[in-house]
PDB file of N, CA and C in Angstrom:
ATOM      1  N   MET A   1     120.041 128.411  27.637  1.00  0.00           N
ATOM      2  CA  MET A   1     120.548 127.311  26.847  1.00  0.00           C
ATOM      3  C   MET A   1     121.053 127.801  25.485  1.00  0.00           C
ATOM      4  N   ARG A   2     120.323 128.742  24.889  1.00  0.00           N
ATOM      5  CA  ARG A   2     120.713 129.259  23.577  1.00  0.00           C
ATOM      6  C   ARG A   2     122.064 129.974  23.654  1.00  0.00           C
ATOM      7  N   ALA A   3     122.286 130.733  24.715  1.00  0.00           N
ATOM      8  CA  ALA A   3     123.558 131.440  24.871  1.00  0.00           C
ATOM      9  C   ALA A   3     124.710 130.447  25.037  1.00  0.00           C
ATOM     10  N   PHE A   4     124.450 129.357  25.737  1.00  0.00           N
ATOM     11  CA  PHE A   4     125.476 128.334  25.915  1.00  0.00           C
ATOM     12  C   PHE A   4     125.854 127.702  24.578  1.00  0.00           C
ATOM     13  N   VAL A   5     124.863 127.392  23.762  1.00  0.00           N
ATOM     14  CA  VAL A   5     125.128 126.788  22.450  1.00  0.00           C
ATOM     15  C   VAL A   5     125.916 127.757  21.575  1.00  0.00           C
ATOM     16  N   ILE A   6     125.552 129.032  21.604  1.00  0.00           N
ATOM     17  CA  ILE A   6     126.281 130.039  20.831  1.00  0.00           C
ATOM     18  C   ILE A   6     127.725 130.138  21.318  1.00  0.00           C
ATOM     19  N   ALA A   7     127.921 130.095  22.637  1.00  0.00           N
ATOM     20  CA  ALA A   7     129.274 130.163  23.190  1.00  0.00           C
ATOM     21  C   ALA A   7     130.105 128.944  22.784  1.00  0.00           C
ATOM     22  N   VAL A   8     129.496 127.777  22.774  1.00  0.00           N
ATOM     23  CA  VAL A   8     130.220 126.565  22.373  1.00  0.00           C
ATOM     24  C   VAL A   8     130.620 126.645  20.904  1.00  0.00           C
ATOM     25  N   PHE A   9     129.690 127.068  20.039  1.00  0.00           N
ATOM     26  CA  PHE A   9     130.022 127.189  18.622  1.00  0.00           C
ATOM     27  C   PHE A   9     131.089 128.258  18.396  1.00  0.00           C
ATOM     28  N   ALA A  10     131.028 129.352  19.129  1.00  0.00           N
ATOM     29  CA  ALA A  10     132.060 130.387  19.007  1.00  0.00           C
ATOM     30  C   ALA A  10     133.411 129.839  19.454  1.00  0.00           C
ATOM     31  N   PHE A  11     133.413 129.079  20.539  1.00  0.00           N
ATOM     32  CA  PHE A  11     134.651 128.481  21.037  1.00  0.00           C
ATOM     33  C   PHE A  11     135.254 127.520  20.014  1.00  0.00           C
ATOM     34  N   LEU A  12     134.400 126.802  19.299  1.00  0.00           N
ATOM     35  CA  LEU A  12     134.886 125.826  18.329  1.00  0.00           C
ATOM     36  C   LEU A  12     135.306 126.454  17.006  1.00  0.00           C
ATOM     37  N   TYR A  13     134.520 127.418  16.512  1.00  0.00           N
ATOM     38  CA  TYR A  13     134.726 127.904  15.148  1.00  0.00           C
ATOM     39  C   TYR A  13     135.445 129.245  15.046  1.00  0.00           C
ATOM     40  N   LEU A  14     135.472 130.035  16.089  1.00  0.00           N
ATOM     41  CA  LEU A  14     136.159 131.320  16.031  1.00  0.00           C
ATOM     42  C   LEU A  14     137.664 131.174  15.783  1.00  0.00           C
ATOM     43  N   PRO A  15     138.355 130.250  16.425  1.00  0.00           N
ATOM     44  CA  PRO A  15     139.783 130.091  16.103  1.00  0.00           C
ATOM     45  C   PRO A  15     140.031 129.707  14.645  1.00  0.00           C
ATOM     46  N   ILE A  16     139.183 128.865  14.085  1.00  0.00           N
ATOM     47  CA  ILE A  16     139.338 128.486  12.676  1.00  0.00           C
ATOM     48  C   ILE A  16     139.133 129.699  11.784  1.00  0.00           C
ATOM     49  N   ALA A  17     138.108 130.489  12.081  1.00  0.00           N
ATOM     50  CA  ALA A  17     137.837 131.686  11.284  1.00  0.00           C
ATOM     51  C   ALA A  17     138.991 132.682  11.381  1.00  0.00           C
ATOM     52  N   LEU A  18     139.589 132.817  12.554  1.00  0.00           N
ATOM     53  CA  LEU A  18     140.717 133.736  12.710  1.00  0.00           C
ATOM     54  C   LEU A  18     141.951 133.257  11.944  1.00  0.00           C
ATOM     55  N   VAL A  19     142.185 131.961  11.927  1.00  0.00           N
ATOM     56  CA  VAL A  19     143.319 131.437  11.164  1.00  0.00           C
ATOM     57  C   VAL A  19     143.118 131.707   9.677  1.00  0.00           C
ATOM     58  N   VAL A  20     141.902 131.484   9.189  1.00  0.00           N
ATOM     59  CA  VAL A  20     141.616 131.760   7.777  1.00  0.00           C
ATOM     60  C   VAL A  20     141.769 133.248   7.494  1.00  0.00           C
ATOM     61  N   LEU A  21     141.243 134.096   8.363  1.00  0.00           N
ATOM     62  CA  LEU A  21     141.344 135.542   8.176  1.00  0.00           C
ATOM     63  C   LEU A  21     142.799 135.999   8.155  1.00  0.00           C
ATOM     64  N   PHE A  22     143.582 135.557   9.122  1.00  0.00           N
ATOM     65  CA  PHE A  22     144.975 135.998   9.203  1.00  0.00           C
ATOM     66  C   PHE A  22     145.863 135.339   8.151  1.00  0.00           C
ATOM     67  N   SER A  23     145.379 134.307   7.481  1.00  0.00           N
ATOM     68  CA  SER A  23     146.173 133.744   6.387  1.00  0.00           C
ATOM     69  C   SER A  23     146.207 134.685   5.190  1.00  0.00           C
ATOM     70  N   PHE A  24     145.284 135.629   5.134  1.00  0.00           N
ATOM     71  CA  PHE A  24     145.265 136.636   4.069  1.00  0.00           C
ATOM     72  C   PHE A  24     145.885 137.958   4.518  1.00  0.00           C
ATOM     73  N   ASN A  25     146.594 137.964   5.640  1.00  0.00           N
ATOM     74  CA  ASN A  25     147.209 139.171   6.174  1.00  0.00           C
ATOM     75  C   ASN A  25     148.377 139.606   5.290  1.00  0.00           C
ATOM     76  N   ALA A  26     148.426 140.887   4.966  1.00  0.00           N
ATOM     77  CA  ALA A  26     149.516 141.418   4.140  1.00  0.00           C
ATOM     78  C   ALA A  26     150.784 141.637   4.954  1.00  0.00           C
ATOM     79  N   GLY A  27     150.667 141.756   6.270  1.00  0.00           N
ATOM     80  CA  GLY A  27     151.827 142.034   7.109  1.00  0.00           C
ATOM     81  C   GLY A  27     152.684 140.809   7.349  1.00  0.00           C
ATOM     82  N   HIS A  28     153.875 141.069   7.881  1.00  0.00           N
ATOM     83  CA  HIS A  28     154.816 139.990   8.166  1.00  0.00           C
ATOM     84  C   HIS A  28     154.561 139.349   9.523  1.00  0.00           C
ATOM     85  N   HIS A  29     153.803 140.010  10.387  1.00  0.00           N
ATOM     86  CA  HIS A  29     153.549 139.505  11.729  1.00  0.00           C
ATOM     87  C   HIS A  29     152.064 139.231  11.897  1.00  0.00           C
ATOM     88  N   ALA A  30     151.743 138.168  12.580  1.00  0.00           N
ATOM     89  CA  ALA A  30     150.347 137.797  12.776  1.00  0.00           C
ATOM     90  C   ALA A  30     149.686 138.596  13.896  1.00  0.00           C
ATOM     91  N   SER A  31     150.458 139.360  14.646  1.00  0.00           N
ATOM     92  CA  SER A  31     149.888 140.092  15.773  1.00  0.00           C
ATOM     93  C   SER A  31     149.053 141.288  15.344  1.00  0.00           C
ATOM     94  N   GLU A  32     149.276 141.795  14.136  1.00  0.00           N
ATOM     95  CA  GLU A  32     148.487 142.923  13.652  1.00  0.00           C
ATOM     96  C   GLU A  32     148.050 142.661  12.218  1.00  0.00           C
ATOM     97  N   PHE A  33     146.810 142.991  11.941  1.00  0.00           N
ATOM     98  CA  PHE A  33     146.270 142.787  10.597  1.00  0.00           C
ATOM     99  C   PHE A  33     146.447 144.079   9.819  1.00  0.00           C
ATOM    100  N   THR A  34     147.202 144.024   8.718  1.00  0.00           N
ATOM    101  CA  THR A  34     147.500 145.242   7.957  1.00  0.00           C
ATOM    102  C   THR A  34     146.761 145.324   6.635  1.00  0.00           C
ATOM    103  N   GLY A  35     145.992 144.329   6.284  1.00  0.00           N
ATOM    104  CA  GLY A  35     145.236 144.351   5.034  1.00  0.00           C
ATOM    105  C   GLY A  35     145.205 142.982   4.381  1.00  0.00           C
ATOM    106  N   PHE A  36     144.383 142.866   3.367  1.00  0.00           N
ATOM    107  CA  PHE A  36     144.234 141.587   2.675  1.00  0.00           C
ATOM    108  C   PHE A  36     145.267 141.439   1.566  1.00  0.00           C
ATOM    109  N   SER A  37     145.814 140.242   1.461  1.00  0.00           N
ATOM    110  CA  SER A  37     146.775 139.935   0.409  1.00  0.00           C
ATOM    111  C   SER A  37     146.836 138.418   0.236  1.00  0.00           C
ATOM    112  N   VAL A  38     147.201 137.989  -0.961  1.00  0.00           N
ATOM    113  CA  VAL A  38     147.403 136.565  -1.217  1.00  0.00           C
ATOM    114  C   VAL A  38     148.877 136.259  -1.504  1.00  0.00           C
ATOM    115  N   GLN A  39     149.752 137.174  -1.108  1.00  0.00           N
ATOM    116  CA  GLN A  39     151.174 136.998  -1.408  1.00  0.00           C
ATOM    117  C   GLN A  39     151.752 135.752  -0.749  1.00  0.00           C
ATOM    118  N   TRP A  40     151.278 135.403   0.442  1.00  0.00           N
ATOM    119  CA  TRP A  40     151.829 134.239   1.131  1.00  0.00           C
ATOM    120  C   TRP A  40     151.409 132.951   0.431  1.00  0.00           C
ATOM    121  N   TYR A  41     150.203 132.936  -0.116  1.00  0.00           N
ATOM    122  CA  TYR A  41     149.781 131.767  -0.886  1.00  0.00           C
ATOM    123  C   TYR A  41     150.599 131.652  -2.170  1.00  0.00           C
ATOM    124  N   GLY A  42     150.908 132.784  -2.787  1.00  0.00           N
ATOM    125  CA  GLY A  42     151.753 132.771  -3.981  1.00  0.00           C
ATOM    126  C   GLY A  42     153.140 132.238  -3.688  1.00  0.00           C
ATOM    127  N   LYS A  43     153.707 132.650  -2.553  1.00  0.00           N
ATOM    128  CA  LYS A  43     155.035 132.160  -2.178  1.00  0.00           C
ATOM    129  C   LYS A  43     155.001 130.668  -1.861  1.00  0.00           C
ATOM    130  N   ALA A  44     153.930 130.225  -1.223  1.00  0.00           N
ATOM    131  CA  ALA A  44     153.821 128.799  -0.902  1.00  0.00           C
ATOM    132  C   ALA A  44     153.684 127.963  -2.169  1.00  0.00           C
ATOM    133  N   LEU A  45     152.883 128.438  -3.118  1.00  0.00           N
ATOM    134  CA  LEU A  45     152.691 127.687  -4.360  1.00  0.00           C
ATOM    135  C   LEU A  45     153.890 127.779  -5.294  1.00  0.00           C
ATOM    136  N   ALA A  46     154.785 128.723  -5.048  1.00  0.00           N
ATOM    137  CA  ALA A  46     156.008 128.825  -5.843  1.00  0.00           C
ATOM    138  C   ALA A  46     157.075 127.838  -5.372  1.00  0.00           C
ATOM    139  N   ASN A  47     156.884 127.264  -4.191  1.00  0.00           N
ATOM    140  CA  ASN A  47     157.833 126.299  -3.647  1.00  0.00           C
ATOM    141  C   ASN A  47     157.508 124.910  -4.213  1.00  0.00           C
ATOM    142  N   PRO A  48     158.403 124.334  -5.017  1.00  0.00           N
ATOM    143  CA  PRO A  48     158.082 123.039  -5.644  1.00  0.00           C
ATOM    144  C   PRO A  48     157.932 121.899  -4.638  1.00  0.00           C
ATOM    145  N   PHE A  49     158.611 121.977  -3.498  1.00  0.00           N
ATOM    146  CA  PHE A  49     158.482 120.928  -2.490  1.00  0.00           C
ATOM    147  C   PHE A  49     157.086 120.941  -1.867  1.00  0.00           C
ATOM    148  N   LEU A  50     156.561 122.136  -1.610  1.00  0.00           N
ATOM    149  CA  LEU A  50     155.214 122.225  -1.053  1.00  0.00           C
ATOM    150  C   LEU A  50     154.157 121.785  -2.057  1.00  0.00           C
ATOM    151  N   VAL A  51     154.355 122.120  -3.316  1.00  0.00           N
ATOM    152  CA  VAL A  51     153.403 121.701  -4.352  1.00  0.00           C
ATOM    153  C   VAL A  51     153.413 120.180  -4.490  1.00  0.00           C
ATOM    154  N   GLU A  52     154.590 119.585  -4.459  1.00  0.00           N
ATOM    155  CA  GLU A  52     154.687 118.126  -4.542  1.00  0.00           C
ATOM    156  C   GLU A  52     154.045 117.466  -3.321  1.00  0.00           C
ATOM    157  N   ALA A  53     154.258 118.039  -2.141  1.00  0.00           N
ATOM    158  CA  ALA A  53     153.634 117.509  -0.933  1.00  0.00           C
ATOM    159  C   ALA A  53     152.115 117.623  -1.008  1.00  0.00           C
ATOM    160  N   LEU A  54     151.624 118.727  -1.554  1.00  0.00           N
ATOM    161  CA  LEU A  54     150.179 118.899  -1.725  1.00  0.00           C
ATOM    162  C   LEU A  54     149.611 117.859  -2.682  1.00  0.00           C
ATOM    163  N   LYS A  55     150.317 117.608  -3.778  1.00  0.00           N
ATOM    164  CA  LYS A  55     149.869 116.584  -4.729  1.00  0.00           C
ATOM    165  C   LYS A  55     149.828 115.207  -4.074  1.00  0.00           C
ATOM    166  N   ASN A  56     150.867 114.877  -3.312  1.00  0.00           N
ATOM    167  CA  ASN A  56     150.894 113.587  -2.617  1.00  0.00           C
ATOM    168  C   ASN A  56     149.748 113.469  -1.623  1.00  0.00           C
ATOM    169  N   SER A  57     149.499 114.524  -0.870  1.00  0.00           N
ATOM    170  CA  SER A  57     148.422 114.505   0.116  1.00  0.00           C
ATOM    171  C   SER A  57     147.063 114.327  -0.545  1.00  0.00           C
ATOM    172  N   LEU A  58     146.838 115.033  -1.646  1.00  0.00           N
ATOM    173  CA  LEU A  58     145.564 114.900  -2.354  1.00  0.00           C
ATOM    174  C   LEU A  58     145.397 113.506  -2.951  1.00  0.00           C
ATOM    175  N   PHE A  59     146.473 112.932  -3.465  1.00  0.00           N
ATOM    176  CA  PHE A  59     146.404 111.572  -4.007  1.00  0.00           C
ATOM    177  C   PHE A  59     146.066 110.565  -2.915  1.00  0.00           C
ATOM    178  N   ILE A  60     146.741 110.663  -1.779  1.00  0.00           N
ATOM    179  CA  ILE A  60     146.499 109.731  -0.677  1.00  0.00           C
ATOM    180  C   ILE A  60     145.087 109.908  -0.129  1.00  0.00           C
ATOM    181  N   ALA A  61     144.637 111.150   0.012  1.00  0.00           N
ATOM    182  CA  ALA A  61     143.289 111.400   0.520  1.00  0.00           C
ATOM    183  C   ALA A  61     142.227 110.853  -0.425  1.00  0.00           C
ATOM    184  N   THR A  62     142.405 111.068  -1.723  1.00  0.00           N
ATOM    185  CA  THR A  62     141.435 110.574  -2.699  1.00  0.00           C
ATOM    186  C   THR A  62     141.409 109.051  -2.729  1.00  0.00           C
ATOM    187  N   THR A  63     142.577 108.449  -2.723  1.00  0.00           N
ATOM    188  CA  THR A  63     142.655 106.991  -2.751  1.00  0.00           C
ATOM    189  C   THR A  63     142.023 106.376  -1.508  1.00  0.00           C
ATOM    190  N   SER A  64     142.328 106.915  -0.343  1.00  0.00           N
ATOM    191  CA  SER A  64     141.767 106.354   0.887  1.00  0.00           C
ATOM    192  C   SER A  64     140.260 106.575   0.963  1.00  0.00           C
ATOM    193  N   ALA A  65     139.762 107.711   0.465  1.00  0.00           N
ATOM    194  CA  ALA A  65     138.317 107.947   0.464  1.00  0.00           C
ATOM    195  C   ALA A  65     137.605 106.977  -0.471  1.00  0.00           C
ATOM    196  N   LEU A  66     138.180 106.736  -1.638  1.00  0.00           N
ATOM    197  CA  LEU A  66     137.566 105.782  -2.571  1.00  0.00           C
ATOM    198  C   LEU A  66     137.580 104.362  -2.009  1.00  0.00           C
ATOM    199  N   LEU A  67     138.690 103.956  -1.410  1.00  0.00           N
ATOM    200  CA  LEU A  67     138.759 102.624  -0.810  1.00  0.00           C
ATOM    201  C   LEU A  67     137.782 102.480   0.352  1.00  0.00           C
ATOM    202  N   ALA A  68     137.658 103.509   1.170  1.00  0.00           N
ATOM    203  CA  ALA A  68     136.714 103.456   2.282  1.00  0.00           C
ATOM    204  C   ALA A  68     135.280 103.373   1.779  1.00  0.00           C
ATOM    205  N   ALA A  69     134.970 104.115   0.717  1.00  0.00           N
ATOM    206  CA  ALA A  69     133.620 104.056   0.148  1.00  0.00           C
ATOM    207  C   ALA A  69     133.328 102.676  -0.431  1.00  0.00           C
ATOM    208  N   LEU A  70     134.300 102.091  -1.114  1.00  0.00           N
ATOM    209  CA  LEU A  70     134.108 100.748  -1.665  1.00  0.00           C
ATOM    210  C   LEU A  70     133.935  99.706  -0.562  1.00  0.00           C
ATOM    211  N   CYS A  71     134.775  99.777   0.463  1.00  0.00           N
ATOM    212  CA  CYS A  71     134.660  98.826   1.577  1.00  0.00           C
ATOM    213  C   CYS A  71     133.342  99.004   2.324  1.00  0.00           C
ATOM    214  N   GLY A  72     132.939 100.236   2.540  1.00  0.00           N
ATOM    215  CA  GLY A  72     131.677 100.496   3.228  1.00  0.00           C
ATOM    216  C   GLY A  72     130.479 100.021   2.438  1.00  0.00           C
ATOM    217  N   THR A  73     130.507 100.231   1.126  1.00  0.00           N
ATOM    218  CA  THR A  73     129.412  99.763   0.280  1.00  0.00           C
ATOM    219  C   THR A  73     129.349  98.241   0.272  1.00  0.00           C
ATOM    220  N   ALA A  74     130.501  97.599   0.150  1.00  0.00           N
ATOM    221  CA  ALA A  74     130.530  96.136   0.172  1.00  0.00           C
ATOM    222  C   ALA A  74     130.031  95.597   1.512  1.00  0.00           C
ATOM    223  N   ALA A  75     130.428  96.227   2.605  1.00  0.00           N
ATOM    224  CA  ALA A  75     129.973  95.789   3.922  1.00  0.00           C
ATOM    225  C   ALA A  75     128.469  95.986   4.078  1.00  0.00           C
ATOM    226  N   ALA A  76     127.948  97.108   3.598  1.00  0.00           N
ATOM    227  CA  ALA A  76     126.509  97.358   3.705  1.00  0.00           C
ATOM    228  C   ALA A  76     125.710  96.362   2.880  1.00  0.00           C
ATOM    229  N   LEU A  77     126.171  96.085   1.668  1.00  0.00           N
ATOM    230  CA  LEU A  77     125.468  95.103   0.834  1.00  0.00           C
ATOM    231  C   LEU A  77     125.547  93.707   1.444  1.00  0.00           C
ATOM    232  N   GLY A  78     126.695  93.365   1.990  1.00  0.00           N
ATOM    233  CA  GLY A  78     126.841  92.058   2.625  1.00  0.00           C
ATOM    234  C   GLY A  78     125.987  91.926   3.868  1.00  0.00           C
ATOM    235  N   LEU A  79     125.950  92.959   4.699  1.00  0.00           N
ATOM    236  CA  LEU A  79     125.151  92.897   5.923  1.00  0.00           C
ATOM    237  C   LEU A  79     123.657  92.905   5.634  1.00  0.00           C
ATOM    238  N   ALA A  80     123.260  93.442   4.504  1.00  0.00           N
ATOM    239  CA  ALA A  80     121.837  93.448   4.154  1.00  0.00           C
ATOM    240  C   ALA A  80     121.350  92.057   3.774  1.00  0.00           C
ATOM    241  N   ARG A  81     122.265  91.161   3.444  1.00  0.00           N
ATOM    242  CA  ARG A  81     121.874  89.831   2.963  1.00  0.00           C
ATOM    243  C   ARG A  81     122.064  88.724   3.997  1.00  0.00           C
ATOM    244  N   VAL A  82     122.595  89.039   5.163  1.00  0.00           N
ATOM    245  CA  VAL A  82     122.820  88.001   6.175  1.00  0.00           C
ATOM    246  C   VAL A  82     121.683  88.011   7.182  1.00  0.00           C
ATOM    247  N   GLY A  83     121.692  87.006   8.046  1.00  0.00           N
ATOM    248  CA  GLY A  83     120.655  86.887   9.058  1.00  0.00           C
ATOM    249  C   GLY A  83     120.817  87.907  10.175  1.00  0.00           C
ATOM    250  N   VAL A  84     119.810  87.926  11.038  1.00  0.00           N
ATOM    251  CA  VAL A  84     119.784  88.903  12.129  1.00  0.00           C
ATOM    252  C   VAL A  84     120.916  88.654  13.118  1.00  0.00           C
ATOM    253  N   ARG A  85     121.180  87.387  13.447  1.00  0.00           N
ATOM    254  CA  ARG A  85     122.228  87.081  14.424  1.00  0.00           C
ATOM    255  C   ARG A  85     123.611  87.442  13.874  1.00  0.00           C
ATOM    256  N   THR A  86     123.857  87.131  12.618  1.00  0.00           N
ATOM    257  CA  THR A  86     125.147  87.468  12.011  1.00  0.00           C
ATOM    258  C   THR A  86     125.324  88.976  11.934  1.00  0.00           C
ATOM    259  N   ARG A  87     124.256  89.675  11.595  1.00  0.00           N
ATOM    260  CA  ARG A  87     124.321  91.136  11.526  1.00  0.00           C
ATOM    261  C   ARG A  87     124.605  91.724  12.906  1.00  0.00           C
ATOM    262  N   ALA A  88     124.028  91.138  13.957  1.00  0.00           N
ATOM    263  CA  ALA A  88     124.268  91.630  15.314  1.00  0.00           C
ATOM    264  C   ALA A  88     125.737  91.466  15.696  1.00  0.00           C
ATOM    265  N   VAL A  89     126.340  90.354  15.289  1.00  0.00           N
ATOM    266  CA  VAL A  89     127.761  90.133  15.584  1.00  0.00           C
ATOM    267  C   VAL A  89     128.619  91.176  14.873  1.00  0.00           C
ATOM    268  N   PHE A  90     128.337  91.405  13.588  1.00  0.00           N
ATOM    269  CA  PHE A  90     129.115  92.395  12.843  1.00  0.00           C
ATOM    270  C   PHE A  90     128.872  93.812  13.355  1.00  0.00           C
ATOM    271  N   ASP A  91     127.648  94.111  13.765  1.00  0.00           N
ATOM    272  CA  ASP A  91     127.370  95.424  14.353  1.00  0.00           C
ATOM    273  C   ASP A  91     128.176  95.625  15.633  1.00  0.00           C
ATOM    274  N   ALA A  92     128.283  94.573  16.445  1.00  0.00           N
ATOM    275  CA  ALA A  92     129.072  94.669  17.676  1.00  0.00           C
ATOM    276  C   ALA A  92     130.549  94.870  17.358  1.00  0.00           C
ATOM    277  N   LEU A  93     131.061  94.161  16.354  1.00  0.00           N
ATOM    278  CA  LEU A  93     132.468  94.327  15.970  1.00  0.00           C
ATOM    279  C   LEU A  93     132.739  95.723  15.426  1.00  0.00           C
ATOM    280  N   LEU A  94     131.836  96.233  14.598  1.00  0.00           N
ATOM    281  CA  LEU A  94     132.012  97.586  14.067  1.00  0.00           C
ATOM    282  C   LEU A  94     131.899  98.629  15.174  1.00  0.00           C
ATOM    283  N   GLY A  95     130.999  98.403  16.117  1.00  0.00           N
ATOM    284  CA  GLY A  95     130.868  99.322  17.250  1.00  0.00           C
ATOM    285  C   GLY A  95     132.106  99.314  18.131  1.00  0.00           C
ATOM    286  N   ALA A  96     132.709  98.140  18.304  1.00  0.00           N
ATOM    287  CA  ALA A  96     133.935  98.051  19.105  1.00  0.00           C
ATOM    288  C   ALA A  96     135.072  98.822  18.442  1.00  0.00           C
ATOM    289  N   ALA A  97     135.131  98.788  17.122  1.00  0.00           N
ATOM    290  CA  ALA A  97     136.174  99.540  16.420  1.00  0.00           C
ATOM    291  C   ALA A  97     135.992 101.039  16.613  1.00  0.00           C
ATOM    292  N   ILE A  98     134.755 101.492  16.677  1.00  0.00           N
ATOM    293  CA  ILE A  98     134.497 102.919  16.890  1.00  0.00           C
ATOM    294  C   ILE A  98     134.888 103.328  18.310  1.00  0.00           C
ATOM    295  N   VAL A  99     134.625 102.463  19.281  1.00  0.00           N
ATOM    296  CA  VAL A  99     134.941 102.775  20.678  1.00  0.00           C
ATOM    297  C   VAL A  99     136.450 102.889  20.872  1.00  0.00           C
ATOM    298  N   VAL A 100     137.197 102.013  20.233  1.00  0.00           N
ATOM    299  CA  VAL A 100     138.652 102.021  20.374  1.00  0.00           C
ATOM    300  C   VAL A 100     139.183 103.264  19.717  1.00  0.00           C
TER     301      VAL A 100
END
C-alpha cells in the first residue's frame, strides 16, 4: 500500500517539479538541461504585455478570493442562526452545487 501511495504522489507531483526545474534551464531547448539560469524570467518580465496580464490576473484573483471569503463568512454566520430544517435545506443546496 505504501508503494502505491508513493507512486500516486510521484505521478501527480513529478511533472510539476520537472516543469519548475526546466523553467530555470539555460538552454534554448527543453529536451536537454544545460544549467540554471533566470534569463527566461527576465525576458518574460521585460515584456510589458505579459506584465500587464500578470497584474490583471493578480487583481482578479485577489478580488474573487476576497468576495468568496466575504460570501462564505456571511453564509456561515447566517446558517449558524437558522433552524435545523432550514440549515438542512441550505446544506442540500450547497452540496448540489458541489456535485455539479
